[in-house]
Amino acid sequence: MHIEELDTPHLLVELNGLEDNLDRYQDYFSKHGIGLRPHIKTHKSLTIAHMQMRRGAIGITCQKLGEAEVMVAGGVDRDVLIPFNIMGRAKLERLTALTRRTTLTVAADSKITIRGLSEATTAAGVSVGVVIELGGAGRCGVETAQLAGELATLADSLPGVELRGVMIMPTPPRARSAKKVAIRSKPCSASSSPVCIDP
């Protein structure tokens, strides 16, 4: 088919440029010893997500539960982060179903969220990873290291949830000290695989 025969709108990608961008992006993180977990909201493409995973991405980030379900169903199922609080019975049922198909981590910035996750996963006989979200973008996340520590302690004490660290996006100067304190808090430092996710 010739380009002039395509109906509009039609997405076209220059493959060499795409592959070069993906290679350079992954190479940078690999050289610096940082696990890359690309956010698929920039492309929402199973094909590109698979290309990123083949290059060495440790997993993917999906903004919504529905995006994660599509990616996992399409075989991008190694490790998925949803950097958002999942609440409500219907969504929690979908989340517990998804945990049976992939390693799943979600963000939490409230006791209500963490308790809801624990109740849903325990009832379903599964577990989900949790990262405590620190404020930084002015939208969500806890604003003090003390509250982050309290949430980490709660997550560490409840069944069905596994404390996996803290998350912040971005890291403005005012949030850096809170992040350091939260990372050094007893639950975070004692967790089996403490990690700071800083997209």
N, C-alpha and C. Protein backbone atom coordinates (compact mmCIF):
# COMPACT_ATOMS: atom_id res chain seq x y z
N MET A 1 0.85 -1.19 0.00
CA MET A 1 0.00 0.00 0.00
C MET A 1 0.89 1.24 0.00
N HIS A 2 0.52 2.22 -0.76
CA HIS A 2 1.27 3.47 -0.83
C HIS A 2 0.73 4.43 0.22
N ILE A 3 1.58 5.31 0.72
CA ILE A 3 1.19 6.24 1.78
C ILE A 3 -0.01 7.08 1.37
N GLU A 4 -0.14 7.38 0.09
CA GLU A 4 -1.25 8.21 -0.37
C GLU A 4 -2.58 7.47 -0.34
N GLU A 5 -2.53 6.16 -0.17
CA GLU A 5 -3.76 5.37 -0.13
C GLU A 5 -4.33 5.24 1.28
N LEU A 6 -3.57 5.65 2.27
CA LEU A 6 -4.02 5.53 3.66
C LEU A 6 -5.11 6.54 3.96
N ASP A 7 -6.12 6.08 4.70
CA ASP A 7 -7.17 6.98 5.15
C ASP A 7 -6.62 7.79 6.32
N THR A 8 -7.21 8.93 6.58
CA THR A 8 -6.76 9.75 7.70
C THR A 8 -7.88 9.83 8.75
N PRO A 9 -7.58 10.00 10.02
CA PRO A 9 -6.21 10.00 10.56
C PRO A 9 -5.61 8.59 10.58
N HIS A 10 -4.30 8.51 10.48
CA HIS A 10 -3.60 7.23 10.47
C HIS A 10 -2.23 7.44 11.10
N LEU A 11 -1.92 6.64 12.10
CA LEU A 11 -0.64 6.77 12.79
C LEU A 11 0.45 6.04 12.02
N LEU A 12 1.52 6.76 11.74
CA LEU A 12 2.69 6.17 11.09
C LEU A 12 3.89 6.39 11.99
N VAL A 13 4.73 5.38 12.13
CA VAL A 13 5.91 5.47 12.98
C VAL A 13 7.14 5.16 12.14
N GLU A 14 8.15 6.01 12.29
CA GLU A 14 9.43 5.76 11.61
C GLU A 14 10.19 4.76 12.48
N LEU A 15 10.22 3.50 12.06
CA LEU A 15 10.69 2.40 12.90
C LEU A 15 12.14 2.57 13.33
N ASN A 16 13.02 2.99 12.45
CA ASN A 16 14.42 3.16 12.83
C ASN A 16 14.58 4.19 13.94
N GLY A 17 13.84 5.29 13.83
CA GLY A 17 13.90 6.32 14.87
C GLY A 17 13.36 5.81 16.19
N LEU A 18 12.25 5.08 16.15
CA LEU A 18 11.67 4.51 17.37
C LEU A 18 12.65 3.56 18.04
N GLU A 19 13.22 2.65 17.27
CA GLU A 19 14.15 1.68 17.84
C GLU A 19 15.39 2.37 18.41
N ASP A 20 15.87 3.39 17.73
CA ASP A 20 17.03 4.14 18.23
C ASP A 20 16.70 4.81 19.56
N ASN A 21 15.53 5.42 19.66
CA ASN A 21 15.11 6.06 20.91
C ASN A 21 15.00 5.04 22.04
N LEU A 22 14.39 3.90 21.76
CA LEU A 22 14.24 2.87 22.79
C LEU A 22 15.59 2.34 23.24
N ASP A 23 16.50 2.13 22.28
CA ASP A 23 17.84 1.64 22.61
C ASP A 23 18.59 2.63 23.49
N ARG A 24 18.59 3.90 23.10
CA ARG A 24 19.33 4.91 23.86
C ARG A 24 18.76 5.08 25.26
N TYR A 25 17.46 5.04 25.38
CA TYR A 25 16.79 5.18 26.66
C TYR A 25 17.18 4.04 27.59
N GLN A 26 17.07 2.80 27.10
CA GLN A 26 17.41 1.64 27.91
C GLN A 26 18.89 1.61 28.23
N ASP A 27 19.74 1.93 27.26
CA ASP A 27 21.19 1.93 27.48
C ASP A 27 21.59 2.88 28.60
N TYR A 28 20.98 4.05 28.64
CA TYR A 28 21.30 5.04 29.67
C TYR A 28 21.01 4.47 31.06
N PHE A 29 19.83 3.91 31.24
CA PHE A 29 19.47 3.38 32.54
C PHE A 29 20.31 2.16 32.91
N SER A 30 20.58 1.31 31.94
CA SER A 30 21.41 0.12 32.20
C SER A 30 22.81 0.52 32.63
N LYS A 31 23.40 1.50 31.97
CA LYS A 31 24.75 1.95 32.31
C LYS A 31 24.83 2.54 33.71
N HIS A 32 23.73 3.08 34.19
CA HIS A 32 23.71 3.70 35.52
C HIS A 32 23.13 2.77 36.59
N GLY A 33 22.89 1.52 36.23
CA GLY A 33 22.41 0.54 37.21
C GLY A 33 21.01 0.83 37.73
N ILE A 34 20.18 1.42 36.89
CA ILE A 34 18.82 1.77 37.30
C ILE A 34 17.83 0.91 36.52
N GLY A 35 16.91 0.29 37.24
CA GLY A 35 15.87 -0.49 36.58
C GLY A 35 14.86 0.43 35.92
N LEU A 36 14.66 0.26 34.63
CA LEU A 36 13.73 1.11 33.88
C LEU A 36 12.35 0.45 33.83
N ARG A 37 11.35 1.23 34.24
CA ARG A 37 9.96 0.77 34.19
C ARG A 37 9.18 1.83 33.42
N PRO A 38 9.17 1.74 32.07
CA PRO A 38 8.53 2.79 31.27
C PRO A 38 7.03 2.90 31.51
N HIS A 39 6.54 4.13 31.42
CA HIS A 39 5.11 4.40 31.56
C HIS A 39 4.48 4.28 30.18
N ILE A 40 3.54 3.35 30.04
CA ILE A 40 2.98 3.09 28.71
C ILE A 40 1.96 4.13 28.27
N LYS A 41 1.65 5.11 29.13
CA LYS A 41 0.68 6.12 28.71
C LYS A 41 1.22 6.97 27.57
N THR A 42 2.54 6.94 27.36
CA THR A 42 3.11 7.72 26.27
C THR A 42 2.83 7.10 24.91
N HIS A 43 2.56 5.80 24.87
CA HIS A 43 2.28 5.16 23.58
C HIS A 43 1.04 4.27 23.58
N LYS A 44 0.68 3.68 24.72
CA LYS A 44 -0.47 2.78 24.83
C LYS A 44 -0.46 1.71 23.75
N SER A 45 0.71 1.15 23.51
CA SER A 45 0.88 0.17 22.43
C SER A 45 1.50 -1.10 22.96
N LEU A 46 0.83 -2.23 22.75
CA LEU A 46 1.39 -3.52 23.13
C LEU A 46 2.69 -3.79 22.39
N THR A 47 2.73 -3.45 21.12
CA THR A 47 3.93 -3.69 20.31
C THR A 47 5.13 -2.96 20.89
N ILE A 48 4.95 -1.68 21.21
CA ILE A 48 6.07 -0.90 21.75
C ILE A 48 6.42 -1.38 23.16
N ALA A 49 5.43 -1.74 23.96
CA ALA A 49 5.71 -2.26 25.30
C ALA A 49 6.55 -3.53 25.22
N HIS A 50 6.23 -4.42 24.29
CA HIS A 50 7.04 -5.62 24.10
C HIS A 50 8.45 -5.27 23.66
N MET A 51 8.60 -4.27 22.81
CA MET A 51 9.93 -3.83 22.38
C MET A 51 10.74 -3.33 23.57
N GLN A 52 10.09 -2.60 24.48
CA GLN A 52 10.78 -2.09 25.67
C GLN A 52 11.20 -3.23 26.59
N MET A 53 10.32 -4.21 26.76
CA MET A 53 10.64 -5.34 27.63
C MET A 53 11.80 -6.15 27.06
N ARG A 54 11.81 -6.36 25.76
CA ARG A 54 12.91 -7.12 25.14
C ARG A 54 14.24 -6.40 25.30
N ARG A 55 14.23 -5.10 25.42
CA ARG A 55 15.46 -4.33 25.57
C ARG A 55 15.96 -4.30 27.01
N GLY A 56 15.17 -4.80 27.95
CA GLY A 56 15.65 -4.88 29.32
C GLY A 56 14.84 -4.16 30.37
N ALA A 57 13.69 -3.60 30.02
CA ALA A 57 12.84 -2.95 31.02
C ALA A 57 12.45 -3.98 32.09
N ILE A 58 12.44 -3.55 33.35
CA ILE A 58 12.13 -4.48 34.44
C ILE A 58 10.63 -4.71 34.58
N GLY A 59 9.85 -3.88 33.93
CA GLY A 59 8.40 -3.97 33.99
C GLY A 59 7.82 -2.74 33.32
N ILE A 60 6.53 -2.53 33.50
CA ILE A 60 5.89 -1.35 32.93
C ILE A 60 5.06 -0.65 33.99
N THR A 61 4.74 0.60 33.70
CA THR A 61 3.84 1.39 34.54
C THR A 61 2.59 1.68 33.73
N CYS A 62 1.43 1.45 34.33
CA CYS A 62 0.14 1.73 33.69
C CYS A 62 -0.64 2.67 34.59
N GLN A 63 -1.16 3.74 34.05
CA GLN A 63 -1.85 4.72 34.87
C GLN A 63 -3.15 4.19 35.45
N LYS A 64 -3.82 3.31 34.70
CA LYS A 64 -5.13 2.83 35.14
C LYS A 64 -5.17 1.31 35.15
N LEU A 65 -6.08 0.79 35.93
CA LEU A 65 -6.28 -0.66 36.02
C LEU A 65 -6.62 -1.24 34.65
N GLY A 66 -7.46 -0.55 33.88
CA GLY A 66 -7.85 -1.03 32.56
C GLY A 66 -6.66 -1.15 31.62
N GLU A 67 -5.73 -0.19 31.68
CA GLU A 67 -4.52 -0.27 30.86
C GLU A 67 -3.69 -1.49 31.25
N ALA A 68 -3.58 -1.72 32.56
CA ALA A 68 -2.81 -2.87 33.04
C ALA A 68 -3.44 -4.18 32.56
N GLU A 69 -4.76 -4.25 32.60
CA GLU A 69 -5.45 -5.47 32.14
C GLU A 69 -5.17 -5.74 30.67
N VAL A 70 -5.19 -4.70 29.85
CA VAL A 70 -4.91 -4.85 28.41
C VAL A 70 -3.47 -5.31 28.19
N MET A 71 -2.53 -4.69 28.89
CA MET A 71 -1.12 -5.05 28.72
C MET A 71 -0.86 -6.50 29.14
N VAL A 72 -1.39 -6.89 30.29
CA VAL A 72 -1.17 -8.25 30.78
C VAL A 72 -1.82 -9.27 29.84
N ALA A 73 -3.03 -8.97 29.37
CA ALA A 73 -3.70 -9.87 28.43
C ALA A 73 -2.91 -10.00 27.14
N GLY A 74 -2.15 -8.96 26.79
CA GLY A 74 -1.34 -8.98 25.58
C GLY A 74 0.06 -9.53 25.78
N GLY A 75 0.33 -10.08 26.97
CA GLY A 75 1.62 -10.72 27.20
C GLY A 75 2.69 -9.86 27.84
N VAL A 76 2.38 -8.60 28.13
CA VAL A 76 3.33 -7.74 28.84
C VAL A 76 3.01 -7.90 30.32
N ASP A 77 3.49 -9.01 30.89
CA ASP A 77 2.99 -9.42 32.20
C ASP A 77 4.08 -9.74 33.22
N ARG A 78 5.30 -9.25 32.99
CA ARG A 78 6.38 -9.58 33.91
C ARG A 78 6.22 -8.87 35.26
N ASP A 79 5.97 -7.57 35.24
CA ASP A 79 5.92 -6.79 36.47
C ASP A 79 5.21 -5.47 36.15
N VAL A 80 4.10 -5.20 36.81
CA VAL A 80 3.29 -4.04 36.48
C VAL A 80 3.11 -3.14 37.71
N LEU A 81 3.33 -1.85 37.51
CA LEU A 81 3.08 -0.85 38.55
C LEU A 81 1.91 0.02 38.13
N ILE A 82 0.96 0.19 39.04
CA ILE A 82 -0.12 1.16 38.84
C ILE A 82 0.09 2.25 39.89
N PRO A 83 0.58 3.43 39.49
CA PRO A 83 0.92 4.47 40.46
C PRO A 83 -0.30 5.27 40.91
N PHE A 84 -1.32 4.56 41.33
CA PHE A 84 -2.60 5.19 41.63
C PHE A 84 -3.28 4.38 42.73
N ASN A 85 -4.05 5.07 43.57
CA ASN A 85 -4.81 4.40 44.62
C ASN A 85 -5.98 3.65 43.99
N ILE A 86 -6.08 2.35 44.25
CA ILE A 86 -7.19 1.54 43.74
C ILE A 86 -8.20 1.36 44.88
N MET A 87 -9.42 1.83 44.64
CA MET A 87 -10.46 1.76 45.67
C MET A 87 -11.78 1.35 45.04
N GLY A 88 -12.69 0.88 45.86
CA GLY A 88 -14.02 0.49 45.39
C GLY A 88 -14.08 -0.99 45.08
N ARG A 89 -15.21 -1.58 45.41
CA ARG A 89 -15.36 -3.03 45.30
C ARG A 89 -15.09 -3.58 43.89
N ALA A 90 -15.67 -2.94 42.88
CA ALA A 90 -15.51 -3.45 41.51
C ALA A 90 -14.05 -3.43 41.07
N LYS A 91 -13.36 -2.32 41.35
CA LYS A 91 -11.95 -2.23 40.94
C LYS A 91 -11.08 -3.19 41.75
N LEU A 92 -11.38 -3.35 43.02
CA LEU A 92 -10.59 -4.27 43.84
C LEU A 92 -10.77 -5.72 43.38
N GLU A 93 -11.96 -6.06 42.92
CA GLU A 93 -12.17 -7.41 42.37
C GLU A 93 -11.34 -7.61 41.11
N ARG A 94 -11.30 -6.59 40.26
CA ARG A 94 -10.47 -6.68 39.05
C ARG A 94 -8.99 -6.75 39.41
N LEU A 95 -8.59 -5.99 40.42
CA LEU A 95 -7.20 -5.99 40.85
C LEU A 95 -6.79 -7.38 41.36
N THR A 96 -7.63 -7.98 42.19
CA THR A 96 -7.26 -9.30 42.72
C THR A 96 -7.18 -10.33 41.60
N ALA A 97 -8.04 -10.21 40.60
CA ALA A 97 -7.96 -11.13 39.45
C ALA A 97 -6.65 -10.93 38.70
N LEU A 98 -6.22 -9.68 38.58
CA LEU A 98 -4.99 -9.38 37.85
C LEU A 98 -3.76 -9.89 38.58
N THR A 99 -3.80 -9.90 39.91
CA THR A 99 -2.64 -10.37 40.67
C THR A 99 -2.36 -11.86 40.44
N ARG A 100 -3.34 -12.57 39.93
CA ARG A 100 -3.13 -13.99 39.63
C ARG A 100 -2.35 -14.18 38.33
N ARG A 101 -2.20 -13.10 37.56
CA ARG A 101 -1.58 -13.20 36.24
C ARG A 101 -0.25 -12.45 36.11
N THR A 102 0.10 -11.63 37.10
CA THR A 102 1.34 -10.86 37.03
C THR A 102 1.77 -10.44 38.42
N THR A 103 3.00 -9.99 38.54
CA THR A 103 3.46 -9.34 39.76
C THR A 103 2.95 -7.91 39.69
N LEU A 104 2.13 -7.52 40.64
CA LEU A 104 1.45 -6.23 40.59
C LEU A 104 1.79 -5.40 41.82
N THR A 105 2.07 -4.12 41.57
CA THR A 105 2.32 -3.17 42.65
C THR A 105 1.44 -1.95 42.41
N VAL A 106 0.84 -1.43 43.48
CA VAL A 106 0.01 -0.23 43.38
C VAL A 106 0.48 0.80 44.39
N ALA A 107 0.17 2.06 44.12
CA ALA A 107 0.51 3.13 45.05
C ALA A 107 -0.61 3.31 46.06
N ALA A 108 -0.22 3.80 47.23
CA ALA A 108 -1.21 4.11 48.27
C ALA A 108 -0.75 5.34 49.03
N ASP A 109 -1.70 6.21 49.36
CA ASP A 109 -1.36 7.38 50.18
C ASP A 109 -2.37 7.59 51.31
N SER A 110 -3.08 6.51 51.67
CA SER A 110 -4.02 6.62 52.79
C SER A 110 -4.21 5.26 53.46
N LYS A 111 -4.59 5.31 54.72
CA LYS A 111 -4.87 4.08 55.46
C LYS A 111 -6.08 3.37 54.88
N ILE A 112 -7.05 4.14 54.40
CA ILE A 112 -8.26 3.54 53.81
C ILE A 112 -7.88 2.68 52.61
N THR A 113 -7.00 3.21 51.76
CA THR A 113 -6.58 2.46 50.58
C THR A 113 -5.86 1.17 50.98
N ILE A 114 -4.93 1.27 51.91
CA ILE A 114 -4.14 0.10 52.31
C ILE A 114 -5.03 -0.95 52.95
N ARG A 115 -5.94 -0.53 53.82
CA ARG A 115 -6.84 -1.51 54.46
C ARG A 115 -7.76 -2.16 53.42
N GLY A 116 -8.25 -1.38 52.48
CA GLY A 116 -9.10 -1.93 51.43
C GLY A 116 -8.37 -2.95 50.58
N LEU A 117 -7.12 -2.66 50.25
CA LEU A 117 -6.30 -3.62 49.49
C LEU A 117 -6.12 -4.91 50.29
N SER A 118 -5.81 -4.76 51.58
CA SER A 118 -5.58 -5.92 52.42
C SER A 118 -6.83 -6.80 52.53
N GLU A 119 -7.98 -6.17 52.75
CA GLU A 119 -9.23 -6.94 52.88
C GLU A 119 -9.55 -7.68 51.59
N ALA A 120 -9.40 -7.00 50.44
CA ALA A 120 -9.75 -7.61 49.16
C ALA A 120 -8.80 -8.75 48.79
N THR A 121 -7.51 -8.52 48.97
CA THR A 121 -6.54 -9.56 48.59
C THR A 121 -6.59 -10.75 49.53
N THR A 122 -6.78 -10.49 50.81
CA THR A 122 -6.86 -11.58 51.78
C THR A 122 -8.09 -12.45 51.48
N ALA A 123 -9.22 -11.81 51.19
CA ALA A 123 -10.44 -12.56 50.87
C ALA A 123 -10.26 -13.40 49.61
N ALA A 124 -9.45 -12.90 48.67
CA ALA A 124 -9.24 -13.62 47.40
C ALA A 124 -8.08 -14.60 47.47
N GLY A 125 -7.35 -14.58 48.58
CA GLY A 125 -6.21 -15.49 48.72
C GLY A 125 -5.01 -15.12 47.87
N VAL A 126 -4.83 -13.81 47.62
CA VAL A 126 -3.70 -13.34 46.82
C VAL A 126 -3.00 -12.22 47.58
N SER A 127 -1.94 -11.68 47.01
CA SER A 127 -1.28 -10.53 47.62
C SER A 127 -0.89 -9.54 46.53
N VAL A 128 -0.71 -8.29 46.94
CA VAL A 128 -0.34 -7.23 46.00
C VAL A 128 0.75 -6.39 46.65
N GLY A 129 1.67 -5.90 45.84
CA GLY A 129 2.70 -5.01 46.33
C GLY A 129 2.16 -3.60 46.51
N VAL A 130 2.71 -2.89 47.49
CA VAL A 130 2.29 -1.51 47.76
C VAL A 130 3.52 -0.63 47.89
N VAL A 131 3.47 0.53 47.23
CA VAL A 131 4.47 1.58 47.46
C VAL A 131 3.73 2.77 48.06
N ILE A 132 4.34 3.39 49.04
CA ILE A 132 3.74 4.57 49.66
C ILE A 132 4.10 5.78 48.81
N GLU A 133 3.08 6.50 48.39
CA GLU A 133 3.33 7.66 47.53
C GLU A 133 3.56 8.91 48.36
N LEU A 134 4.70 9.55 48.12
CA LEU A 134 5.01 10.82 48.76
C LEU A 134 4.55 11.95 47.85
N GLY A 135 4.08 13.05 48.44
CA GLY A 135 3.67 14.21 47.65
C GLY A 135 4.85 14.79 46.90
N GLY A 136 4.56 15.49 45.83
CA GLY A 136 5.64 16.08 45.04
C GLY A 136 5.10 16.82 43.85
N ALA A 137 4.05 16.32 43.27
CA ALA A 137 3.47 16.96 42.09
C ALA A 137 2.26 17.82 42.47
N GLY A 138 1.94 17.89 43.76
CA GLY A 138 0.82 18.71 44.19
C GLY A 138 -0.54 18.11 43.89
N ARG A 139 -0.57 16.81 43.61
CA ARG A 139 -1.84 16.17 43.28
C ARG A 139 -2.24 15.13 44.31
N CYS A 140 -1.34 14.26 44.66
CA CYS A 140 -1.63 13.21 45.62
C CYS A 140 -0.34 12.83 46.33
N GLY A 141 -0.46 11.92 47.28
CA GLY A 141 0.71 11.54 48.05
C GLY A 141 0.73 12.22 49.41
N VAL A 142 1.38 11.58 50.38
CA VAL A 142 1.48 12.15 51.72
C VAL A 142 2.56 13.22 51.74
N GLU A 143 2.38 14.21 52.59
CA GLU A 143 3.30 15.35 52.59
C GLU A 143 4.34 15.32 53.69
N THR A 144 4.23 14.37 54.63
CA THR A 144 5.21 14.33 55.71
C THR A 144 5.84 12.95 55.81
N ALA A 145 7.08 12.94 56.26
CA ALA A 145 7.78 11.67 56.46
C ALA A 145 7.10 10.85 57.55
N GLN A 146 6.55 11.53 58.57
CA GLN A 146 5.87 10.82 59.66
C GLN A 146 4.68 10.03 59.13
N LEU A 147 3.86 10.66 58.30
CA LEU A 147 2.70 9.96 57.76
C LEU A 147 3.13 8.84 56.82
N ALA A 148 4.18 9.08 56.04
CA ALA A 148 4.69 8.01 55.16
C ALA A 148 5.13 6.82 55.99
N GLY A 149 5.80 7.10 57.11
CA GLY A 149 6.24 6.02 57.99
C GLY A 149 5.08 5.26 58.60
N GLU A 150 4.02 5.99 58.98
CA GLU A 150 2.83 5.34 59.55
C GLU A 150 2.17 4.43 58.52
N LEU A 151 2.07 4.90 57.28
CA LEU A 151 1.46 4.08 56.23
C LEU A 151 2.33 2.86 55.92
N ALA A 152 3.64 3.06 55.92
CA ALA A 152 4.55 1.93 55.67
C ALA A 152 4.42 0.89 56.77
N THR A 153 4.32 1.34 58.01
CA THR A 153 4.16 0.42 59.14
C THR A 153 2.85 -0.35 59.02
N LEU A 154 1.78 0.36 58.64
CA LEU A 154 0.48 -0.30 58.47
C LEU A 154 0.55 -1.34 57.36
N ALA A 155 1.10 -0.96 56.21
CA ALA A 155 1.19 -1.90 55.08
C ALA A 155 2.02 -3.12 55.45
N ASP A 156 3.07 -2.89 56.21
CA ASP A 156 3.96 -3.98 56.61
C ASP A 156 3.30 -4.94 57.59
N SER A 157 2.25 -4.46 58.28
CA SER A 157 1.62 -5.28 59.32
C SER A 157 0.39 -6.05 58.84
N LEU A 158 -0.13 -5.71 57.68
CA LEU A 158 -1.39 -6.31 57.23
C LEU A 158 -1.17 -7.48 56.27
N PRO A 159 -2.07 -8.46 56.31
CA PRO A 159 -1.97 -9.57 55.35
C PRO A 159 -2.43 -9.13 53.96
N GLY A 160 -1.93 -9.82 52.95
CA GLY A 160 -2.38 -9.58 51.59
C GLY A 160 -1.72 -8.42 50.88
N VAL A 161 -0.91 -7.64 51.60
CA VAL A 161 -0.16 -6.55 50.98
C VAL A 161 1.32 -6.71 51.33
N GLU A 162 2.16 -6.40 50.38
CA GLU A 162 3.61 -6.49 50.58
C GLU A 162 4.22 -5.12 50.36
N LEU A 163 4.81 -4.55 51.40
CA LEU A 163 5.43 -3.24 51.30
C LEU A 163 6.65 -3.32 50.39
N ARG A 164 6.64 -2.54 49.31
CA ARG A 164 7.75 -2.59 48.36
C ARG A 164 8.54 -1.29 48.30
N GLY A 165 8.19 -0.29 49.10
CA GLY A 165 8.99 0.93 49.13
C GLY A 165 8.14 2.19 49.04
N VAL A 166 8.77 3.23 48.52
CA VAL A 166 8.11 4.52 48.39
C VAL A 166 8.19 4.98 46.94
N MET A 167 7.30 5.89 46.57
CA MET A 167 7.26 6.41 45.22
C MET A 167 7.03 7.92 45.29
N ILE A 168 7.71 8.64 44.43
CA ILE A 168 7.47 10.08 44.33
C ILE A 168 7.70 10.52 42.90
N MET A 169 6.90 11.48 42.47
CA MET A 169 7.06 12.02 41.13
C MET A 169 6.57 13.45 41.11
N PRO A 170 7.42 14.39 40.76
CA PRO A 170 8.88 14.30 40.69
C PRO A 170 9.46 14.49 42.08
N THR A 171 10.75 14.80 42.19
CA THR A 171 11.36 15.01 43.50
C THR A 171 11.83 16.45 43.63
N PRO A 172 10.92 17.35 44.02
CA PRO A 172 11.34 18.74 44.23
C PRO A 172 12.17 18.84 45.50
N PRO A 173 12.95 19.91 45.65
CA PRO A 173 13.80 20.05 46.85
C PRO A 173 13.04 19.89 48.15
N ARG A 174 11.80 20.41 48.22
CA ARG A 174 11.06 20.34 49.49
C ARG A 174 10.67 18.92 49.87
N ALA A 175 10.66 18.00 48.90
CA ALA A 175 10.24 16.62 49.18
C ALA A 175 11.41 15.68 49.40
N ARG A 176 12.62 16.11 49.08
CA ARG A 176 13.76 15.19 49.15
C ARG A 176 14.03 14.70 50.56
N SER A 177 13.94 15.59 51.56
CA SER A 177 14.22 15.15 52.92
C SER A 177 13.16 14.17 53.40
N ALA A 178 11.90 14.41 53.03
CA ALA A 178 10.83 13.48 53.43
C ALA A 178 11.06 12.12 52.80
N LYS A 179 11.50 12.11 51.55
CA LYS A 179 11.75 10.84 50.88
C LYS A 179 12.86 10.07 51.60
N LYS A 180 13.94 10.77 51.95
CA LYS A 180 15.06 10.10 52.62
C LYS A 180 14.63 9.51 53.96
N VAL A 181 13.85 10.27 54.72
CA VAL A 181 13.39 9.77 56.02
C VAL A 181 12.49 8.56 55.82
N ALA A 182 11.59 8.63 54.84
CA ALA A 182 10.66 7.52 54.60
C ALA A 182 11.40 6.26 54.18
N ILE A 183 12.41 6.42 53.33
CA ILE A 183 13.18 5.26 52.87
C ILE A 183 13.91 4.61 54.04
N ARG A 184 14.36 5.44 54.98
CA ARG A 184 15.12 4.91 56.12
C ARG A 184 14.22 4.42 57.25
N SER A 185 12.90 4.61 57.11
CA SER A 185 12.00 4.17 58.17
C SER A 185 12.10 2.66 58.33
N LYS A 186 11.85 2.17 59.52
CA LYS A 186 12.04 0.75 59.82
C LYS A 186 11.30 -0.18 58.85
N PRO A 187 10.00 0.05 58.56
CA PRO A 187 9.33 -0.88 57.64
C PRO A 187 9.96 -0.90 56.25
N CYS A 188 10.33 0.28 55.73
CA CYS A 188 10.93 0.30 54.39
C CYS A 188 12.29 -0.37 54.38
N SER A 189 13.11 -0.07 55.37
CA SER A 189 14.45 -0.64 55.37
C SER A 189 14.44 -2.12 55.70
N ALA A 190 13.38 -2.58 56.37
CA ALA A 190 13.30 -4.00 56.73
C ALA A 190 12.58 -4.84 55.69
N SER A 191 11.94 -4.17 54.72
CA SER A 191 11.20 -4.95 53.72
C SER A 191 12.17 -5.77 52.91
N SER A 192 11.68 -6.88 52.37
CA SER A 192 12.56 -7.82 51.68
C SER A 192 13.23 -7.22 50.46
N SER A 193 12.57 -6.28 49.81
CA SER A 193 13.19 -5.66 48.64
C SER A 193 12.84 -4.18 48.60
N PRO A 194 13.41 -3.39 49.55
CA PRO A 194 13.08 -1.98 49.59
C PRO A 194 13.50 -1.30 48.30
N VAL A 195 12.64 -0.46 47.81
CA VAL A 195 12.92 0.21 46.54
C VAL A 195 12.30 1.59 46.56
N CYS A 196 12.97 2.53 45.95
CA CYS A 196 12.40 3.85 45.79
C CYS A 196 12.09 4.03 44.32
N ILE A 197 10.85 4.24 43.99
CA ILE A 197 10.45 4.44 42.61
C ILE A 197 10.33 5.93 42.39
N ASP A 198 11.16 6.47 41.54
CA ASP A 198 11.23 7.91 41.30
C ASP A 198 11.16 8.14 39.80
N PRO A 199 9.96 8.09 39.19
CA PRO A 199 9.86 8.17 37.73
C PRO A 199 10.47 9.45 37.18
